Amino acid sequence: MSDPDPRLVARVVEAIAGRTEAQGAALAAALAARWSPPDRHDPAAMQWLRRWSPKPAHFPAPVCSCPSGRCLVCN
């Protein structure tokens, strides 16, 4: 990556320094609106979550081939 052009950097600093507080707030709000969508609740999704019930996966335990019958590796 090459060094930044000092004239470009100066123009950017001047543009930022010349903003009013209201202009800065408007720019921040515009960037925030595009950066991430606002959190929202979709009624259909909320109903689905209420009806959904996760089912645990039950698997038979493997047969232990150790002399003790239930070692820490097999258990």
PDB file of N, CA and C in Angstrom:
ATOM      1  N   MET A   1       0.854  -1.175   0.000  1.00  0.00           N
ATOM      2  CA  MET A   1       0.000   0.000   0.000  1.00  0.00           C
ATOM      3  C   MET A   1       0.897   1.234   0.000  1.00  0.00           C
ATOM      4  N   SER A   2       0.569   2.173  -0.831  1.00  0.00           N
ATOM      5  CA  SER A   2       1.382   3.379  -0.923  1.00  0.00           C
ATOM      6  C   SER A   2       0.965   4.383   0.155  1.00  0.00           C
ATOM      7  N   ASP A   3       1.836   5.339   0.393  1.00  0.00           N
ATOM      8  CA  ASP A   3       1.531   6.390   1.373  1.00  0.00           C
ATOM      9  C   ASP A   3       0.373   7.232   0.860  1.00  0.00           C
ATOM     10  N   PRO A   4      -0.484   7.709   1.767  1.00  0.00           N
ATOM     11  CA  PRO A   4      -1.610   8.540   1.317  1.00  0.00           C
ATOM     12  C   PRO A   4      -1.123   9.886   0.789  1.00  0.00           C
ATOM     13  N   ASP A   5      -1.848  10.415  -0.153  1.00  0.00           N
ATOM     14  CA  ASP A   5      -1.531  11.725  -0.730  1.00  0.00           C
ATOM     15  C   ASP A   5      -1.818  12.789   0.339  1.00  0.00           C
ATOM     16  N   PRO A   6      -0.825  13.569   0.747  1.00  0.00           N
ATOM     17  CA  PRO A   6      -1.048  14.575   1.802  1.00  0.00           C
ATOM     18  C   PRO A   6      -2.130  15.590   1.437  1.00  0.00           C
ATOM     19  N   ARG A   7      -2.279  15.883   0.145  1.00  0.00           N
ATOM     20  CA  ARG A   7      -3.329  16.843  -0.266  1.00  0.00           C
ATOM     21  C   ARG A   7      -4.711  16.264  -0.033  1.00  0.00           C
ATOM     22  N   LEU A   8      -4.872  14.970  -0.323  1.00  0.00           N
ATOM     23  CA  LEU A   8      -6.159  14.306  -0.091  1.00  0.00           C
ATOM     24  C   LEU A   8      -6.476  14.267   1.404  1.00  0.00           C
ATOM     25  N   VAL A   9      -5.473  13.924   2.203  1.00  0.00           N
ATOM     26  CA  VAL A   9      -5.669  13.887   3.655  1.00  0.00           C
ATOM     27  C   VAL A   9      -6.073  15.267   4.168  1.00  0.00           C
ATOM     28  N   ALA A  10      -5.431  16.306   3.680  1.00  0.00           N
ATOM     29  CA  ALA A  10      -5.760  17.674   4.099  1.00  0.00           C
ATOM     30  C   ALA A  10      -7.195  18.030   3.722  1.00  0.00           C
ATOM     31  N   ARG A  11      -7.618  17.642   2.520  1.00  0.00           N
ATOM     32  CA  ARG A  11      -9.000  17.926   2.092  1.00  0.00           C
ATOM     33  C   ARG A  11     -10.010  17.180   2.969  1.00  0.00           C
ATOM     34  N   VAL A  12      -9.708  15.936   3.323  1.00  0.00           N
ATOM     35  CA  VAL A  12     -10.618  15.162   4.175  1.00  0.00           C
ATOM     36  C   VAL A  12     -10.720  15.805   5.554  1.00  0.00           C
ATOM     37  N   VAL A  13      -9.576  16.204   6.107  1.00  0.00           N
ATOM     38  CA  VAL A  13      -9.577  16.848   7.430  1.00  0.00           C
ATOM     39  C   VAL A  13     -10.355  18.157   7.379  1.00  0.00           C
ATOM     40  N   GLU A  14     -10.177  18.942   6.332  1.00  0.00           N
ATOM     41  CA  GLU A  14     -10.918  20.196   6.189  1.00  0.00           C
ATOM     42  C   GLU A  14     -12.417  19.943   6.090  1.00  0.00           C
ATOM     43  N   ALA A  15     -12.808  18.909   5.343  1.00  0.00           N
ATOM     44  CA  ALA A  15     -14.233  18.610   5.185  1.00  0.00           C
ATOM     45  C   ALA A  15     -14.846  18.186   6.515  1.00  0.00           C
ATOM     46  N   ILE A  16     -14.110  17.392   7.273  1.00  0.00           N
ATOM     47  CA  ILE A  16     -14.632  16.946   8.570  1.00  0.00           C
ATOM     48  C   ILE A  16     -14.706  18.113   9.543  1.00  0.00           C
ATOM     49  N   ALA A  17     -13.652  18.941   9.559  1.00  0.00           N
ATOM     50  CA  ALA A  17     -13.611  20.079  10.483  1.00  0.00           C
ATOM     51  C   ALA A  17     -14.673  21.118  10.154  1.00  0.00           C
ATOM     52  N   GLY A  18     -15.081  21.200   8.887  1.00  0.00           N
ATOM     53  CA  GLY A  18     -16.060  22.199   8.482  1.00  0.00           C
ATOM     54  C   GLY A  18     -17.512  21.800   8.733  1.00  0.00           C
ATOM     55  N   ARG A  19     -17.733  20.576   9.180  1.00  0.00           N
ATOM     56  CA  ARG A  19     -19.110  20.132   9.431  1.00  0.00           C
ATOM     57  C   ARG A  19     -19.665  20.755  10.709  1.00  0.00           C
ATOM     58  N   THR A  20     -20.950  21.049  10.648  1.00  0.00           N
ATOM     59  CA  THR A  20     -21.630  21.469  11.870  1.00  0.00           C
ATOM     60  C   THR A  20     -21.967  20.219  12.679  1.00  0.00           C
ATOM     61  N   GLU A  21     -22.340  20.425  13.919  1.00  0.00           N
ATOM     62  CA  GLU A  21     -22.715  19.281  14.762  1.00  0.00           C
ATOM     63  C   GLU A  21     -23.935  18.563  14.176  1.00  0.00           C
ATOM     64  N   ALA A  22     -24.870  19.319  13.633  1.00  0.00           N
ATOM     65  CA  ALA A  22     -26.063  18.726  13.032  1.00  0.00           C
ATOM     66  C   ALA A  22     -25.701  17.891  11.799  1.00  0.00           C
ATOM     67  N   GLN A  23     -24.761  18.381  10.987  1.00  0.00           N
ATOM     68  CA  GLN A  23     -24.322  17.621   9.814  1.00  0.00           C
ATOM     69  C   GLN A  23     -23.622  16.330  10.236  1.00  0.00           C
ATOM     70  N   GLY A  24     -22.815  16.399  11.270  1.00  0.00           N
ATOM     71  CA  GLY A  24     -22.151  15.199  11.774  1.00  0.00           C
ATOM     72  C   GLY A  24     -23.155  14.184  12.305  1.00  0.00           C
ATOM     73  N   ALA A  25     -24.163  14.672  13.020  1.00  0.00           N
ATOM     74  CA  ALA A  25     -25.193  13.782  13.555  1.00  0.00           C
ATOM     75  C   ALA A  25     -26.000  13.151  12.422  1.00  0.00           C
ATOM     76  N   ALA A  26     -26.294  13.933  11.386  1.00  0.00           N
ATOM     77  CA  ALA A  26     -27.050  13.397  10.249  1.00  0.00           C
ATOM     78  C   ALA A  26     -26.242  12.337   9.510  1.00  0.00           C
ATOM     79  N   LEU A  27     -24.955  12.584   9.335  1.00  0.00           N
ATOM     80  CA  LEU A  27     -24.096  11.606   8.677  1.00  0.00           C
ATOM     81  C   LEU A  27     -24.004  10.325   9.512  1.00  0.00           C
ATOM     82  N   ALA A  28     -23.837  10.467  10.825  1.00  0.00           N
ATOM     83  CA  ALA A  28     -23.760   9.294  11.705  1.00  0.00           C
ATOM     84  C   ALA A  28     -25.061   8.501  11.654  1.00  0.00           C
ATOM     85  N   ALA A  29     -26.192   9.182  11.633  1.00  0.00           N
ATOM     86  CA  ALA A  29     -27.479   8.494  11.567  1.00  0.00           C
ATOM     87  C   ALA A  29     -27.644   7.763  10.235  1.00  0.00           C
ATOM     88  N   ALA A  30     -27.217   8.397   9.148  1.00  0.00           N
ATOM     89  CA  ALA A  30     -27.316   7.756   7.828  1.00  0.00           C
ATOM     90  C   ALA A  30     -26.428   6.519   7.764  1.00  0.00           C
ATOM     91  N   LEU A  31     -25.210   6.611   8.308  1.00  0.00           N
ATOM     92  CA  LEU A  31     -24.316   5.450   8.309  1.00  0.00           C
ATOM     93  C   LEU A  31     -24.873   4.329   9.190  1.00  0.00           C
ATOM     94  N   ALA A  32     -25.406   4.685  10.357  1.00  0.00           N
ATOM     95  CA  ALA A  32     -25.957   3.676  11.259  1.00  0.00           C
ATOM     96  C   ALA A  32     -27.156   2.981  10.629  1.00  0.00           C
ATOM     97  N   ALA A  33     -27.969   3.717   9.883  1.00  0.00           N
ATOM     98  CA  ALA A  33     -29.149   3.127   9.249  1.00  0.00           C
ATOM     99  C   ALA A  33     -28.756   2.118   8.177  1.00  0.00           C
ATOM    100  N   ARG A  34     -27.642   2.345   7.509  1.00  0.00           N
ATOM    101  CA  ARG A  34     -27.193   1.432   6.462  1.00  0.00           C
ATOM    102  C   ARG A  34     -26.285   0.330   7.002  1.00  0.00           C
ATOM    103  N   TRP A  35     -25.686   0.552   8.167  1.00  0.00           N
ATOM    104  CA  TRP A  35     -24.710  -0.395   8.707  1.00  0.00           C
ATOM    105  C   TRP A  35     -25.375  -1.678   9.176  1.00  0.00           C
ATOM    106  N   SER A  36     -26.406  -1.565   9.970  1.00  0.00           N
ATOM    107  CA  SER A  36     -27.098  -2.760  10.448  1.00  0.00           C
ATOM    108  C   SER A  36     -28.585  -2.464  10.545  1.00  0.00           C
ATOM    109  N   PRO A  37     -29.388  -3.449  10.191  1.00  0.00           N
ATOM    110  CA  PRO A  37     -30.833  -3.227  10.273  1.00  0.00           C
ATOM    111  C   PRO A  37     -31.258  -3.126  11.731  1.00  0.00           C
ATOM    112  N   PRO A  38     -32.291  -2.372  11.991  1.00  0.00           N
ATOM    113  CA  PRO A  38     -32.768  -2.268  13.375  1.00  0.00           C
ATOM    114  C   PRO A  38     -33.339  -3.607  13.845  1.00  0.00           C
ATOM    115  N   ASP A  39     -33.231  -3.837  15.127  1.00  0.00           N
ATOM    116  CA  ASP A  39     -33.792  -5.059  15.695  1.00  0.00           C
ATOM    117  C   ASP A  39     -35.312  -4.936  15.664  1.00  0.00           C
ATOM    118  N   ARG A  40     -35.959  -5.986  15.255  1.00  0.00           N
ATOM    119  CA  ARG A  40     -37.425  -5.947  15.196  1.00  0.00           C
ATOM    120  C   ARG A  40     -37.966  -7.315  15.578  1.00  0.00           C
ATOM    121  N   HIS A  41     -39.232  -7.347  15.899  1.00  0.00           N
ATOM    122  CA  HIS A  41     -39.892  -8.595  16.244  1.00  0.00           C
ATOM    123  C   HIS A  41     -40.941  -8.890  15.185  1.00  0.00           C
ATOM    124  N   ASP A  42     -40.828 -10.017  14.564  1.00  0.00           N
ATOM    125  CA  ASP A  42     -41.779 -10.445  13.560  1.00  0.00           C
ATOM    126  C   ASP A  42     -42.818 -11.318  14.267  1.00  0.00           C
ATOM    127  N   PRO A  43     -44.085 -10.934  14.269  1.00  0.00           N
ATOM    128  CA  PRO A  43     -45.100 -11.715  14.985  1.00  0.00           C
ATOM    129  C   PRO A  43     -45.146 -13.181  14.545  1.00  0.00           C
ATOM    130  N   ALA A  44     -44.979 -13.447  13.260  1.00  0.00           N
ATOM    131  CA  ALA A  44     -45.019 -14.837  12.793  1.00  0.00           C
ATOM    132  C   ALA A  44     -43.850 -15.628  13.367  1.00  0.00           C
ATOM    133  N   ALA A  45     -42.700 -15.006  13.450  1.00  0.00           N
ATOM    134  CA  ALA A  45     -41.538 -15.691  14.017  1.00  0.00           C
ATOM    135  C   ALA A  45     -41.722 -15.938  15.497  1.00  0.00           C
ATOM    136  N   MET A  46     -42.320 -14.993  16.198  1.00  0.00           N
ATOM    137  CA  MET A  46     -42.553 -15.175  17.630  1.00  0.00           C
ATOM    138  C   MET A  46     -43.523 -16.334  17.874  1.00  0.00           C
ATOM    139  N   GLN A  47     -44.557 -16.461  17.035  1.00  0.00           N
ATOM    140  CA  GLN A  47     -45.498 -17.579  17.177  1.00  0.00           C
ATOM    141  C   GLN A  47     -44.797 -18.900  16.903  1.00  0.00           C
ATOM    142  N   TRP A  48     -43.941 -18.924  15.894  1.00  0.00           N
ATOM    143  CA  TRP A  48     -43.216 -20.153  15.564  1.00  0.00           C
ATOM    144  C   TRP A  48     -42.332 -20.557  16.735  1.00  0.00           C
ATOM    145  N   LEU A  49     -41.647 -19.598  17.342  1.00  0.00           N
ATOM    146  CA  LEU A  49     -40.783 -19.913  18.472  1.00  0.00           C
ATOM    147  C   LEU A  49     -41.575 -20.453  19.665  1.00  0.00           C
ATOM    148  N   ARG A  50     -42.778 -19.931  19.880  1.00  0.00           N
ATOM    149  CA  ARG A  50     -43.602 -20.437  20.986  1.00  0.00           C
ATOM    150  C   ARG A  50     -44.033 -21.885  20.746  1.00  0.00           C
ATOM    151  N   ARG A  51     -44.323 -22.226  19.485  1.00  0.00           N
ATOM    152  CA  ARG A  51     -44.758 -23.601  19.174  1.00  0.00           C
ATOM    153  C   ARG A  51     -43.585 -24.572  19.100  1.00  0.00           C
ATOM    154  N   TRP A  52     -42.422 -24.091  18.768  1.00  0.00           N
ATOM    155  CA  TRP A  52     -41.255 -24.938  18.563  1.00  0.00           C
ATOM    156  C   TRP A  52     -40.776 -25.479  19.900  1.00  0.00           C
ATOM    157  N   SER A  53     -40.520 -26.745  19.922  1.00  0.00           N
ATOM    158  CA  SER A  53     -39.934 -27.323  21.132  1.00  0.00           C
ATOM    159  C   SER A  53     -38.818 -28.258  20.686  1.00  0.00           C
ATOM    160  N   PRO A  54     -37.599 -27.923  21.039  1.00  0.00           N
ATOM    161  CA  PRO A  54     -36.485 -28.767  20.602  1.00  0.00           C
ATOM    162  C   PRO A  54     -36.563 -30.150  21.242  1.00  0.00           C
ATOM    163  N   LYS A  55     -36.279 -31.140  20.474  1.00  0.00           N
ATOM    164  CA  LYS A  55     -36.289 -32.516  20.961  1.00  0.00           C
ATOM    165  C   LYS A  55     -34.853 -32.958  21.187  1.00  0.00           C
ATOM    166  N   PRO A  56     -34.551 -33.459  22.375  1.00  0.00           N
ATOM    167  CA  PRO A  56     -33.185 -33.926  22.600  1.00  0.00           C
ATOM    168  C   PRO A  56     -32.895 -35.170  21.770  1.00  0.00           C
ATOM    169  N   ALA A  57     -31.690 -35.278  21.351  1.00  0.00           N
ATOM    170  CA  ALA A  57     -31.262 -36.447  20.587  1.00  0.00           C
ATOM    171  C   ALA A  57     -30.779 -37.513  21.571  1.00  0.00           C
ATOM    172  N   HIS A  58     -31.461 -38.630  21.600  1.00  0.00           N
ATOM    173  CA  HIS A  58     -31.070 -39.715  22.500  1.00  0.00           C
ATOM    174  C   HIS A  58     -30.411 -40.808  21.669  1.00  0.00           C
ATOM    175  N   PHE A  59     -29.194 -41.095  22.016  1.00  0.00           N
ATOM    176  CA  PHE A  59     -28.454 -42.150  21.342  1.00  0.00           C
ATOM    177  C   PHE A  59     -28.058 -43.198  22.378  1.00  0.00           C
ATOM    178  N   PRO A  60     -28.101 -44.463  22.012  1.00  0.00           N
ATOM    179  CA  PRO A  60     -27.672 -45.488  22.974  1.00  0.00           C
ATOM    180  C   PRO A  60     -26.180 -45.334  23.261  1.00  0.00           C
ATOM    181  N   ALA A  61     -25.822 -45.537  24.510  1.00  0.00           N
ATOM    182  CA  ALA A  61     -24.413 -45.430  24.891  1.00  0.00           C
ATOM    183  C   ALA A  61     -23.628 -46.569  24.252  1.00  0.00           C
ATOM    184  N   PRO A  62     -22.409 -46.297  23.828  1.00  0.00           N
ATOM    185  CA  PRO A  62     -21.621 -47.369  23.235  1.00  0.00           C
ATOM    186  C   PRO A  62     -21.266 -48.412  24.292  1.00  0.00           C
ATOM    187  N   VAL A  63     -21.120 -49.615  23.850  1.00  0.00           N
ATOM    188  CA  VAL A  63     -20.741 -50.693  24.754  1.00  0.00           C
ATOM    189  C   VAL A  63     -19.267 -50.531  25.088  1.00  0.00           C
ATOM    190  N   CYS A  64     -18.969 -50.542  26.373  1.00  0.00           N
ATOM    191  CA  CYS A  64     -17.598 -50.358  26.820  1.00  0.00           C
ATOM    192  C   CYS A  64     -16.878 -51.700  26.774  1.00  0.00           C
ATOM    193  N   SER A  65     -15.699 -51.683  26.198  1.00  0.00           N
ATOM    194  CA  SER A  65     -14.926 -52.917  26.113  1.00  0.00           C
ATOM    195  C   SER A  65     -13.841 -52.974  27.183  1.00  0.00           C
ATOM    196  N   CYS A  66     -13.856 -52.043  28.115  1.00  0.00           N
ATOM    197  CA  CYS A  66     -12.859 -52.016  29.180  1.00  0.00           C
ATOM    198  C   CYS A  66     -13.244 -53.000  30.283  1.00  0.00           C
ATOM    199  N   PRO A  67     -12.286 -53.484  31.045  1.00  0.00           N
ATOM    200  CA  PRO A  67     -12.583 -54.420  32.131  1.00  0.00           C
ATOM    201  C   PRO A  67     -13.505 -53.815  33.197  1.00  0.00           C
ATOM    202  N   SER A  68     -13.430 -52.491  33.419  1.00  0.00           N
ATOM    203  CA  SER A  68     -14.281 -51.894  34.458  1.00  0.00           C
ATOM    204  C   SER A  68     -15.725 -51.777  34.001  1.00  0.00           C
ATOM    205  N   GLY A  69     -15.956 -51.792  32.709  1.00  0.00           N
ATOM    206  CA  GLY A  69     -17.326 -51.734  32.203  1.00  0.00           C
ATOM    207  C   GLY A  69     -17.787 -50.349  31.804  1.00  0.00           C
ATOM    208  N   ARG A  70     -17.288 -49.295  32.425  1.00  0.00           N
ATOM    209  CA  ARG A  70     -17.681 -47.914  32.054  1.00  0.00           C
ATOM    210  C   ARG A  70     -16.504 -46.992  32.293  1.00  0.00           C
ATOM    211  N   CYS A  71     -15.542 -46.985  31.427  1.00  0.00           N
ATOM    212  CA  CYS A  71     -14.368 -46.123  31.603  1.00  0.00           C
ATOM    213  C   CYS A  71     -14.724 -44.683  31.205  1.00  0.00           C
ATOM    214  N   LEU A  72     -13.818 -43.767  31.490  1.00  0.00           N
ATOM    215  CA  LEU A  72     -14.056 -42.358  31.161  1.00  0.00           C
ATOM    216  C   LEU A  72     -14.006 -42.100  29.672  1.00  0.00           C
ATOM    217  N   VAL A  73     -13.323 -42.948  28.921  1.00  0.00           N
ATOM    218  CA  VAL A  73     -13.279 -42.770  27.474  1.00  0.00           C
ATOM    219  C   VAL A  73     -14.609 -43.181  26.846  1.00  0.00           C
ATOM    220  N   CYS A  74     -15.127 -44.293  27.259  1.00  0.00           N
ATOM    221  CA  CYS A  74     -16.383 -44.787  26.689  1.00  0.00           C
ATOM    222  C   CYS A  74     -17.612 -44.083  27.244  1.00  0.00           C
ATOM    223  N   ASN A  75     -17.504 -43.541  28.422  1.00  0.00           N
ATOM    224  CA  ASN A  75     -18.652 -42.934  29.086  1.00  0.00           C
ATOM    225  C   ASN A  75     -18.947 -41.580  28.519  1.00  0.00           C
TER     226      ASN A  75
END
